[in-house]
PDB file of all heavy atoms in Angstrom:
ATOM      1  N   PRO A   1     124.514   5.767  76.689  1.00  0.00           N
ATOM      2  CA  PRO A   1     124.871   4.957  77.958  1.00  0.00           C
ATOM      3  C   PRO A   1     123.682   4.795  78.839  1.00  0.00           C
ATOM      4  O   PRO A   1     123.646   3.919  79.667  1.00  0.00           O
ATOM      5  CB  PRO A   1     125.974   5.653  78.632  1.00  0.00           C
ATOM      6  CG  PRO A   1     125.854   7.095  78.281  1.00  0.00           C
ATOM      7  CD  PRO A   1     125.243   7.066  76.790  1.00  0.00           C
ATOM      8  N   TYR A   2     122.594   5.617  78.755  1.00  0.00           N
ATOM      9  CA  TYR A   2     121.498   5.672  79.673  1.00  0.00           C
ATOM     10  C   TYR A   2     120.822   4.239  79.577  1.00  0.00           C
ATOM     11  O   TYR A   2     120.406   3.756  78.536  1.00  0.00           O
ATOM     12  CB  TYR A   2     120.520   6.719  79.338  1.00  0.00           C
ATOM     13  CG  TYR A   2     121.099   8.034  79.637  1.00  0.00           C
ATOM     14  CD1 TYR A   2     121.322   8.879  78.558  1.00  0.00           C
ATOM     15  CD2 TYR A   2     121.429   8.545  80.888  1.00  0.00           C
ATOM     16  CE1 TYR A   2     121.867  10.125  78.786  1.00  0.00           C
ATOM     17  CE2 TYR A   2     122.023   9.764  81.125  1.00  0.00           C
ATOM     18  CZ  TYR A   2     122.219  10.490  79.986  1.00  0.00           C
ATOM     19  OH  TYR A   2     122.805  11.815  80.153  1.00  0.00           O
ATOM     20  N   GLY A   3     120.741   3.598  80.641  1.00  0.00           N
ATOM     21  CA  GLY A   3     119.948   2.262  80.699  1.00  0.00           C
ATOM     22  C   GLY A   3     120.847   1.073  80.211  1.00  0.00           C
ATOM     23  O   GLY A   3     120.348  -0.074  80.205  1.00  0.00           O
ATOM     24  N   SER A   4     122.123   1.364  79.989  1.00  0.00           N
ATOM     25  CA  SER A   4     122.956   0.156  79.583  1.00  0.00           C
ATOM     26  C   SER A   4     123.112  -0.724  80.761  1.00  0.00           C
ATOM     27  O   SER A   4     122.980  -0.240  81.964  1.00  0.00           O
ATOM     28  CB  SER A   4     124.306   0.604  79.088  1.00  0.00           C
ATOM     29  OG  SER A   4     125.017   1.252  80.221  1.00  0.00           O
ATOM     30  N   PRO A   5     123.344  -1.989  80.605  1.00  0.00           N
ATOM     31  CA  PRO A   5     123.454  -2.865  81.598  1.00  0.00           C
ATOM     32  C   PRO A   5     124.561  -2.406  82.665  1.00  0.00           C
ATOM     33  O   PRO A   5     124.370  -2.514  83.886  1.00  0.00           O
ATOM     34  CB  PRO A   5     123.847  -4.349  81.069  1.00  0.00           C
ATOM     35  CG  PRO A   5     123.294  -4.239  79.700  1.00  0.00           C
ATOM     36  CD  PRO A   5     123.405  -2.740  79.236  1.00  0.00           C
ATOM     37  N   GLN A   6     125.625  -1.868  82.213  1.00  0.00           N
ATOM     38  CA  GLN A   6     126.678  -1.501  83.087  1.00  0.00           C
ATOM     39  C   GLN A   6     126.307  -0.284  83.902  1.00  0.00           C
ATOM     40  O   GLN A   6     126.658  -0.239  85.038  1.00  0.00           O
ATOM     41  CB  GLN A   6     127.948  -1.152  82.266  1.00  0.00           C
ATOM     42  CG  GLN A   6     128.727  -2.333  81.565  1.00  0.00           C
ATOM     43  CD  GLN A   6     127.901  -2.782  80.359  1.00  0.00           C
ATOM     44  OE1 GLN A   6     127.055  -2.197  79.775  1.00  0.00           O
ATOM     45  NE2 GLN A   6     128.058  -3.992  80.045  1.00  0.00           N
ATOM     46  N   ARG A   7     125.579   0.643  83.298  1.00  0.00           N
ATOM     47  CA  ARG A   7     125.186   1.863  84.037  1.00  0.00           C
ATOM     48  C   ARG A   7     124.140   1.500  85.094  1.00  0.00           C
ATOM     49  O   ARG A   7     124.182   1.915  86.240  1.00  0.00           O
ATOM     50  CB  ARG A   7     124.603   2.943  83.022  1.00  0.00           C
ATOM     51  CG  ARG A   7     124.319   4.214  83.786  1.00  0.00           C
ATOM     52  CD  ARG A   7     124.427   5.358  82.896  1.00  0.00           C
ATOM     53  NE  ARG A   7     124.268   6.502  83.549  1.00  0.00           N
ATOM     54  CZ  ARG A   7     124.358   7.760  83.052  1.00  0.00           C
ATOM     55  NH1 ARG A   7     124.660   7.906  81.758  1.00  0.00           N
ATOM     56  NH2 ARG A   7     124.174   8.805  83.813  1.00  0.00           N
ATOM     57  N   VAL A   8     123.241   0.528  84.819  1.00  0.00           N
ATOM     58  CA  VAL A   8     122.172   0.032  85.730  1.00  0.00           C
ATOM     59  C   VAL A   8     122.986  -0.572  86.835  1.00  0.00           C
ATOM     60  O   VAL A   8     122.600  -0.248  88.144  1.00  0.00           O
ATOM     61  CB  VAL A   8     121.154  -0.834  85.136  1.00  0.00           C
ATOM     62  CG1 VAL A   8     120.328  -1.540  86.184  1.00  0.00           C
ATOM     63  CG2 VAL A   8     120.419  -0.035  84.039  1.00  0.00           C
ATOM     64  N   GLN A   9     123.946  -1.380  86.657  1.00  0.00           N
ATOM     65  CA  GLN A   9     124.692  -2.076  87.652  1.00  0.00           C
ATOM     66  C   GLN A   9     125.464  -1.032  88.609  1.00  0.00           C
ATOM     67  O   GLN A   9     125.469  -1.154  89.863  1.00  0.00           O
ATOM     68  CB  GLN A   9     125.597  -3.088  87.121  1.00  0.00           C
ATOM     69  CG  GLN A   9     126.389  -3.813  88.303  1.00  0.00           C
ATOM     70  CD  GLN A   9     127.692  -4.467  87.743  1.00  0.00           C
ATOM     71  OE1 GLN A   9     128.337  -4.037  86.821  1.00  0.00           O
ATOM     72  NE2 GLN A   9     127.898  -5.669  88.331  1.00  0.00           N
ATOM     73  N   ALA A  10     126.124  -0.104  87.925  1.00  0.00           N
ATOM     74  CA  ALA A  10     126.833   0.902  88.736  1.00  0.00           C
ATOM     75  C   ALA A  10     126.024   1.680  89.597  1.00  0.00           C
ATOM     76  O   ALA A  10     126.422   1.971  90.764  1.00  0.00           O
ATOM     77  CB  ALA A  10     127.569   1.787  87.746  1.00  0.00           C
ATOM     78  N   GLN A  11     124.812   2.115  89.139  1.00  0.00           N
ATOM     79  CA  GLN A  11     123.936   2.853  89.980  1.00  0.00           C
ATOM     80  C   GLN A  11     123.314   1.985  91.084  1.00  0.00           C
ATOM     81  O   GLN A  11     123.304   2.364  92.295  1.00  0.00           O
ATOM     82  CB  GLN A  11     122.844   3.531  89.169  1.00  0.00           C
ATOM     83  CG  GLN A  11     123.308   4.619  88.436  1.00  0.00           C
ATOM     84  CD  GLN A  11     122.375   5.285  87.465  1.00  0.00           C
ATOM     85  OE1 GLN A  11     121.215   4.807  87.358  1.00  0.00           O
ATOM     86  NE2 GLN A  11     122.585   6.488  87.070  1.00  0.00           N
ATOM     87  N   ALA A  12     122.977   0.778  90.872  1.00  0.00           N
ATOM     88  CA  ALA A  12     122.388  -0.054  91.889  1.00  0.00           C
ATOM     89  C   ALA A  12     123.349  -0.365  92.883  1.00  0.00           C
ATOM     90  O   ALA A  12     123.119  -0.406  94.070  1.00  0.00           O
ATOM     91  CB  ALA A  12     121.883  -1.349  91.226  1.00  0.00           C
ATOM     92  N   LEU A  13     124.614  -0.897  92.522  1.00  0.00           N
ATOM     93  CA  LEU A  13     125.624  -1.205  93.511  1.00  0.00           C
ATOM     94  C   LEU A  13     126.290  -0.041  94.111  1.00  0.00           C
ATOM     95  O   LEU A  13     126.689  -0.076  95.275  1.00  0.00           O
ATOM     96  CB  LEU A  13     126.774  -2.005  92.837  1.00  0.00           C
ATOM     97  CG  LEU A  13     126.286  -3.389  92.184  1.00  0.00           C
ATOM     98  CD1 LEU A  13     127.400  -4.153  91.603  1.00  0.00           C
ATOM     99  CD2 LEU A  13     125.603  -4.207  93.383  1.00  0.00           C
ATOM    100  N   GLY A  14     126.259   1.182  93.471  1.00  0.00           N
ATOM    101  CA  GLY A  14     126.728   2.355  94.064  1.00  0.00           C
ATOM    102  C   GLY A  14     125.951   2.702  95.359  1.00  0.00           C
ATOM    103  O   GLY A  14     126.549   3.336  96.328  1.00  0.00           O
ATOM    104  N   ASN A  15     124.732   2.398  95.424  1.00  0.00           N
ATOM    105  CA  ASN A  15     123.952   2.711  96.619  1.00  0.00           C
ATOM    106  C   ASN A  15     124.571   2.154  97.864  1.00  0.00           C
ATOM    107  O   ASN A  15     124.554   2.646  98.876  1.00  0.00           O
ATOM    108  CB  ASN A  15     122.415   2.287  96.366  1.00  0.00           C
ATOM    109  CG  ASN A  15     121.808   3.150  95.363  1.00  0.00           C
ATOM    110  OD1 ASN A  15     121.975   4.320  95.207  1.00  0.00           O
ATOM    111  ND2 ASN A  15     120.953   2.404  94.511  1.00  0.00           N
ATOM    112  N   PHE A  16     125.000   0.806  97.670  1.00  0.00           N
ATOM    113  CA  PHE A  16     125.465   0.142  98.738  1.00  0.00           C
ATOM    114  C   PHE A  16     126.959   0.725  99.206  1.00  0.00           C
ATOM    115  O   PHE A  16     127.108   0.677 100.458  1.00  0.00           O
ATOM    116  CB  PHE A  16     125.641  -1.357  98.362  1.00  0.00           C
ATOM    117  CG  PHE A  16     124.354  -1.898  98.089  1.00  0.00           C
ATOM    118  CD1 PHE A  16     124.045  -2.212  96.774  1.00  0.00           C
ATOM    119  CD2 PHE A  16     123.463  -2.287  99.167  1.00  0.00           C
ATOM    120  CE1 PHE A  16     122.741  -2.727  96.530  1.00  0.00           C
ATOM    121  CE2 PHE A  16     122.207  -2.911  98.832  1.00  0.00           C
ATOM    122  CZ  PHE A  16     121.916  -3.111  97.578  1.00  0.00           C
ATOM    123  N   ASP A  17     127.693   1.287  98.296  1.00  0.00           N
ATOM    124  CA  ASP A  17     128.921   1.932  98.763  1.00  0.00           C
ATOM    125  C   ASP A  17     128.629   3.105  99.700  1.00  0.00           C
ATOM    126  O   ASP A  17     129.313   3.355 100.617  1.00  0.00           O
ATOM    127  CB  ASP A  17     129.679   2.430  97.511  1.00  0.00           C
ATOM    128  CG  ASP A  17     130.129   1.240  96.681  1.00  0.00           C
ATOM    129  OD1 ASP A  17     130.265   0.079  97.194  1.00  0.00           O
ATOM    130  OD2 ASP A  17     130.336   1.468  95.412  1.00  0.00           O
ATOM    131  N   GLN A  18     127.544   3.792  99.500  1.00  0.00           N
ATOM    132  CA  GLN A  18     127.124   4.861 100.299  1.00  0.00           C
ATOM    133  C   GLN A  18     126.704   4.531 101.705  1.00  0.00           C
ATOM    134  O   GLN A  18     126.920   5.315 102.595  1.00  0.00           O
ATOM    135  CB  GLN A  18     125.964   5.714  99.685  1.00  0.00           C
ATOM    136  CG  GLN A  18     126.468   6.428  98.230  1.00  0.00           C
ATOM    137  CD  GLN A  18     127.468   7.463  98.550  1.00  0.00           C
ATOM    138  OE1 GLN A  18     127.315   8.274  99.459  1.00  0.00           O
ATOM    139  NE2 GLN A  18     128.493   7.598  97.655  1.00  0.00           N
ATOM    140  N   ILE A  19     125.953   3.391 101.788  1.00  0.00           N
ATOM    141  CA  ILE A  19     125.527   3.022 103.053  1.00  0.00           C
ATOM    142  C   ILE A  19     126.130   1.890 103.720  1.00  0.00           C
ATOM    143  O   ILE A  19     125.808   1.476 104.848  1.00  0.00           O
ATOM    144  CB  ILE A  19     123.944   2.678 102.899  1.00  0.00           C
ATOM    145  CG1 ILE A  19     123.702   1.631 101.980  1.00  0.00           C
ATOM    146  CG2 ILE A  19     123.244   3.992 102.533  1.00  0.00           C
ATOM    147  CD1 ILE A  19     122.346   1.141 101.838  1.00  0.00           C
ATOM    148  N   ALA A  20     127.179   1.358 103.135  1.00  0.00           N
ATOM    149  CA  ALA A  20     127.865   0.109 103.636  1.00  0.00           C
ATOM    150  C   ALA A  20     128.350   0.195 105.107  1.00  0.00           C
ATOM    151  O   ALA A  20     128.223  -0.608 105.952  1.00  0.00           O
ATOM    152  CB  ALA A  20     128.971  -0.297 102.802  1.00  0.00           C
ATOM    153  N   ALA A  21     128.953   1.375 105.461  1.00  0.00           N
ATOM    154  CA  ALA A  21     129.548   1.635 106.735  1.00  0.00           C
ATOM    155  C   ALA A  21     128.356   1.665 107.789  1.00  0.00           C
ATOM    156  O   ALA A  21     128.529   1.174 108.952  1.00  0.00           O
ATOM    157  CB  ALA A  21     130.311   2.901 106.832  1.00  0.00           C
ATOM    158  N   ALA A  22     127.202   2.200 107.413  1.00  0.00           N
ATOM    159  CA  ALA A  22     126.157   2.334 108.414  1.00  0.00           C
ATOM    160  C   ALA A  22     125.316   1.055 108.561  1.00  0.00           C
ATOM    161  O   ALA A  22     124.607   0.917 109.515  1.00  0.00           O
ATOM    162  CB  ALA A  22     125.316   3.447 107.943  1.00  0.00           C
ATOM    163  N   ALA A  23     125.269   0.203 107.482  1.00  0.00           N
ATOM    164  CA  ALA A  23     124.456  -0.941 107.468  1.00  0.00           C
ATOM    165  C   ALA A  23     125.014  -2.204 106.899  1.00  0.00           C
ATOM    166  O   ALA A  23     124.758  -2.595 105.855  1.00  0.00           O
ATOM    167  CB  ALA A  23     123.149  -0.670 106.717  1.00  0.00           C
ATOM    168  N   PRO A  24     126.058  -2.744 107.680  1.00  0.00           N
ATOM    169  CA  PRO A  24     126.679  -3.975 107.137  1.00  0.00           C
ATOM    170  C   PRO A  24     125.801  -5.099 106.828  1.00  0.00           C
ATOM    171  O   PRO A  24     126.181  -5.948 105.944  1.00  0.00           O
ATOM    172  CB  PRO A  24     127.691  -4.312 108.209  1.00  0.00           C
ATOM    173  CG  PRO A  24     127.472  -3.502 109.347  1.00  0.00           C
ATOM    174  CD  PRO A  24     126.528  -2.314 108.965  1.00  0.00           C
ATOM    175  N   ARG A  25     124.697  -5.249 107.491  1.00  0.00           N
ATOM    176  CA  ARG A  25     123.726  -6.416 107.202  1.00  0.00           C
ATOM    177  C   ARG A  25     123.157  -6.347 105.764  1.00  0.00           C
ATOM    178  O   ARG A  25     122.372  -7.197 105.466  1.00  0.00           O
ATOM    179  CB  ARG A  25     122.774  -6.545 108.221  1.00  0.00           C
ATOM    180  CG  ARG A  25     121.877  -5.357 108.434  1.00  0.00           C
ATOM    181  CD  ARG A  25     121.046  -5.484 109.715  1.00  0.00           C
ATOM    182  NE  ARG A  25     120.724  -4.198 110.013  1.00  0.00           N
ATOM    183  CZ  ARG A  25     119.550  -3.833 110.768  1.00  0.00           C
ATOM    184  NH1 ARG A  25     118.933  -4.796 111.139  1.00  0.00           N
ATOM    185  NH2 ARG A  25     119.382  -2.606 110.925  1.00  0.00           N
ATOM    186  N   LEU A  26     123.451  -5.213 105.087  1.00  0.00           N
ATOM    187  CA  LEU A  26     122.911  -5.269 103.703  1.00  0.00           C
ATOM    188  C   LEU A  26     123.673  -5.989 102.666  1.00  0.00           C
ATOM    189  O   LEU A  26     123.344  -6.056 101.520  1.00  0.00           O
ATOM    190  CB  LEU A  26     122.748  -3.712 103.232  1.00  0.00           C
ATOM    191  CG  LEU A  26     121.693  -2.900 104.027  1.00  0.00           C
ATOM    192  CD1 LEU A  26     121.689  -1.386 103.480  1.00  0.00           C
ATOM    193  CD2 LEU A  26     120.308  -3.541 103.630  1.00  0.00           C
ATOM    194  N   ALA A  27     124.650  -6.728 103.183  1.00  0.00           N
ATOM    195  CA  ALA A  27     125.531  -7.555 102.213  1.00  0.00           C
ATOM    196  C   ALA A  27     124.602  -8.517 101.404  1.00  0.00           C
ATOM    197  O   ALA A  27     124.899  -8.747 100.174  1.00  0.00           O
ATOM    198  CB  ALA A  27     126.659  -8.187 102.972  1.00  0.00           C
ATOM    199  N   ARG A  28     123.618  -9.184 102.039  1.00  0.00           N
ATOM    200  CA  ARG A  28     122.747 -10.040 101.402  1.00  0.00           C
ATOM    201  C   ARG A  28     121.988  -9.460 100.260  1.00  0.00           C
ATOM    202  O   ARG A  28     121.780  -9.932  99.275  1.00  0.00           O
ATOM    203  CB  ARG A  28     121.769 -10.782 102.391  1.00  0.00           C
ATOM    204  CG  ARG A  28     122.440 -11.784 103.253  1.00  0.00           C
ATOM    205  CD  ARG A  28     121.507 -12.372 104.153  1.00  0.00           C
ATOM    206  NE  ARG A  28     120.635 -11.501 104.762  1.00  0.00           N
ATOM    207  CZ  ARG A  28     119.733 -11.748 105.533  1.00  0.00           C
ATOM    208  NH1 ARG A  28     119.389 -12.955 105.932  1.00  0.00           N
ATOM    209  NH2 ARG A  28     118.932 -10.729 106.204  1.00  0.00           N
ATOM    210  N   VAL A  29     121.425  -8.134 100.514  1.00  0.00           N
ATOM    211  CA  VAL A  29     120.701  -7.464  99.552  1.00  0.00           C
ATOM    212  C   VAL A  29     121.604  -6.982  98.384  1.00  0.00           C
ATOM    213  O   VAL A  29     121.323  -7.073  97.336  1.00  0.00           O
ATOM    214  CB  VAL A  29     120.017  -6.222 100.191  1.00  0.00           C
ATOM    215  CG1 VAL A  29     119.401  -5.405  99.160  1.00  0.00           C
ATOM    216  CG2 VAL A  29     119.090  -6.575 101.299  1.00  0.00           C
ATOM    217  N   ARG A  30     122.924  -6.664  98.803  1.00  0.00           N
ATOM    218  CA  ARG A  30     123.825  -6.287  97.733  1.00  0.00           C
ATOM    219  C   ARG A  30     124.122  -7.491  96.816  1.00  0.00           C
ATOM    220  O   ARG A  30     124.210  -7.382  95.622  1.00  0.00           O
ATOM    221  CB  ARG A  30     125.186  -5.729  98.358  1.00  0.00           C
ATOM    222  CG  ARG A  30     126.191  -5.223  97.334  1.00  0.00           C
ATOM    223  CD  ARG A  30     127.365  -4.618  97.996  1.00  0.00           C
ATOM    224  NE  ARG A  30     128.132  -3.703  97.260  1.00  0.00           N
ATOM    225  CZ  ARG A  30     128.831  -4.008  96.191  1.00  0.00           C
ATOM    226  NH1 ARG A  30     128.804  -5.189  95.671  1.00  0.00           N
ATOM    227  NH2 ARG A  30     129.519  -3.046  95.453  1.00  0.00           N
ATOM    228  N   ALA A  31     124.292  -8.664  97.487  1.00  0.00           N
ATOM    229  CA  ALA A  31     124.632  -9.829  96.650  1.00  0.00           C
ATOM    230  C   ALA A  31     123.435 -10.151  95.778  1.00  0.00           C
ATOM    231  O   ALA A  31     123.545 -10.583  94.646  1.00  0.00           O
ATOM    232  CB  ALA A  31     124.937 -11.062  97.627  1.00  0.00           C
ATOM    233  N   TRP A  32     122.222 -10.066  96.224  1.00  0.00           N
ATOM    234  CA  TRP A  32     120.961 -10.289  95.573  1.00  0.00           C
ATOM    235  C   TRP A  32     120.986  -9.317  94.309  1.00  0.00           C
ATOM    236  O   TRP A  32     120.700  -9.721  93.194  1.00  0.00           O
ATOM    237  CB  TRP A  32     119.812 -10.084  96.390  1.00  0.00           C
ATOM    238  CG  TRP A  32     118.491 -10.301  95.608  1.00  0.00           C
ATOM    239  CD1 TRP A  32     117.834 -11.407  95.286  1.00  0.00           C
ATOM    240  CD2 TRP A  32     117.729  -9.114  94.977  1.00  0.00           C
ATOM    241  NE1 TRP A  32     116.741 -11.125  94.641  1.00  0.00           N
ATOM    242  CE2 TRP A  32     116.689  -9.732  94.375  1.00  0.00           C
ATOM    243  CE3 TRP A  32     117.922  -7.833  94.939  1.00  0.00           C
ATOM    244  CZ2 TRP A  32     115.716  -8.997  93.707  1.00  0.00           C
ATOM    245  CZ3 TRP A  32     116.971  -7.048  94.226  1.00  0.00           C
ATOM    246  CH2 TRP A  32     115.793  -7.677  93.626  1.00  0.00           C
ATOM    247  N   THR A  33     121.245  -8.007  94.599  1.00  0.00           N
ATOM    248  CA  THR A  33     121.244  -7.021  93.457  1.00  0.00           C
ATOM    249  C   THR A  33     122.249  -7.396  92.384  1.00  0.00           C
ATOM    250  O   THR A  33     121.863  -7.393  91.183  1.00  0.00           O
ATOM    251  CB  THR A  33     121.615  -5.653  94.071  1.00  0.00           C
ATOM    252  OG1 THR A  33     120.672  -5.248  95.054  1.00  0.00           O
ATOM    253  CG2 THR A  33     121.636  -4.603  92.987  1.00  0.00           C
ATOM    254  N   ALA A  34     123.475  -7.762  92.838  1.00  0.00           N
ATOM    255  CA  ALA A  34     124.471  -8.234  91.775  1.00  0.00           C
ATOM    256  C   ALA A  34     123.979  -9.450  91.054  1.00  0.00           C
ATOM    257  O   ALA A  34     124.158  -9.516  89.727  1.00  0.00           O
ATOM    258  CB  ALA A  34     125.800  -8.473  92.511  1.00  0.00           C
ATOM    259  N   ALA A  35     123.403 -10.478  91.704  1.00  0.00           N
ATOM    260  CA  ALA A  35     122.897 -11.638  90.965  1.00  0.00           C
ATOM    261  C   ALA A  35     121.724 -11.322  90.118  1.00  0.00           C
ATOM    262  O   ALA A  35     121.657 -11.782  88.894  1.00  0.00           O
ATOM    263  CB  ALA A  35     122.418 -12.644  92.072  1.00  0.00           C
ATOM    264  N   GLU A  36     120.761 -10.430  90.460  1.00  0.00           N
ATOM    265  CA  GLU A  36     119.726 -10.004  89.633  1.00  0.00           C
ATOM    266  C   GLU A  36     120.269  -9.318  88.403  1.00  0.00           C
ATOM    267  O   GLU A  36     119.724  -9.379  87.263  1.00  0.00           O
ATOM    268  CB  GLU A  36     118.661  -9.158  90.423  1.00  0.00           C
ATOM    269  CG  GLU A  36     117.879  -9.927  91.270  1.00  0.00           C
ATOM    270  CD  GLU A  36     116.949 -10.933  90.598  1.00  0.00           C
ATOM    271  OE1 GLU A  36     116.065 -10.482  89.896  1.00  0.00           O
ATOM    272  OE2 GLU A  36     117.249 -12.105  90.675  1.00  0.00           O
ATOM    273  N   TRP A  37     121.276  -8.429  88.554  1.00  0.00           N
ATOM    274  CA  TRP A  37     121.888  -7.811  87.407  1.00  0.00           C
ATOM    275  C   TRP A  37     122.372  -8.858  86.421  1.00  0.00           C
ATOM    276  O   TRP A  37     122.133  -8.670  85.198  1.00  0.00           O
ATOM    277  CB  TRP A  37     123.033  -6.843  87.788  1.00  0.00           C
ATOM    278  CG  TRP A  37     123.583  -6.273  86.589  1.00  0.00           C
ATOM    279  CD1 TRP A  37     123.168  -5.150  85.856  1.00  0.00           C
ATOM    280  CD2 TRP A  37     124.827  -6.700  85.962  1.00  0.00           C
ATOM    281  NE1 TRP A  37     123.988  -4.973  84.816  1.00  0.00           N
ATOM    282  CE2 TRP A  37     125.004  -5.906  84.865  1.00  0.00           C
ATOM    283  CE3 TRP A  37     125.712  -7.740  86.207  1.00  0.00           C
ATOM    284  CZ2 TRP A  37     126.183  -6.018  83.960  1.00  0.00           C
ATOM    285  CZ3 TRP A  37     126.794  -7.922  85.353  1.00  0.00           C
ATOM    286  CH2 TRP A  37     126.966  -7.098  84.315  1.00  0.00           C
ATOM    287  N   LEU A  38     123.046  -9.852  86.945  1.00  0.00           N
ATOM    288  CA  LEU A  38     123.561 -10.901  85.996  1.00  0.00           C
ATOM    289  C   LEU A  38     122.398 -11.505  85.150  1.00  0.00           C
ATOM    290  O   LEU A  38     122.446 -11.779  84.021  1.00  0.00           O
ATOM    291  CB  LEU A  38     124.336 -11.909  86.782  1.00  0.00           C
ATOM    292  CG  LEU A  38     125.816 -11.543  87.241  1.00  0.00           C
ATOM    293  CD1 LEU A  38     126.306 -12.673  88.130  1.00  0.00           C
ATOM    294  CD2 LEU A  38     126.660 -11.368  85.902  1.00  0.00           C
TER     295      LEU A  38
END
């Protein structure tokens, strides 16, 4: 599973779950991350 597209996405987007409450303006960066994963 290392490096699979799903694992890469889970780790990249999981970062935003950790900091969402402290930094709501990161929504654009999160959306960019999701689009880049696609």
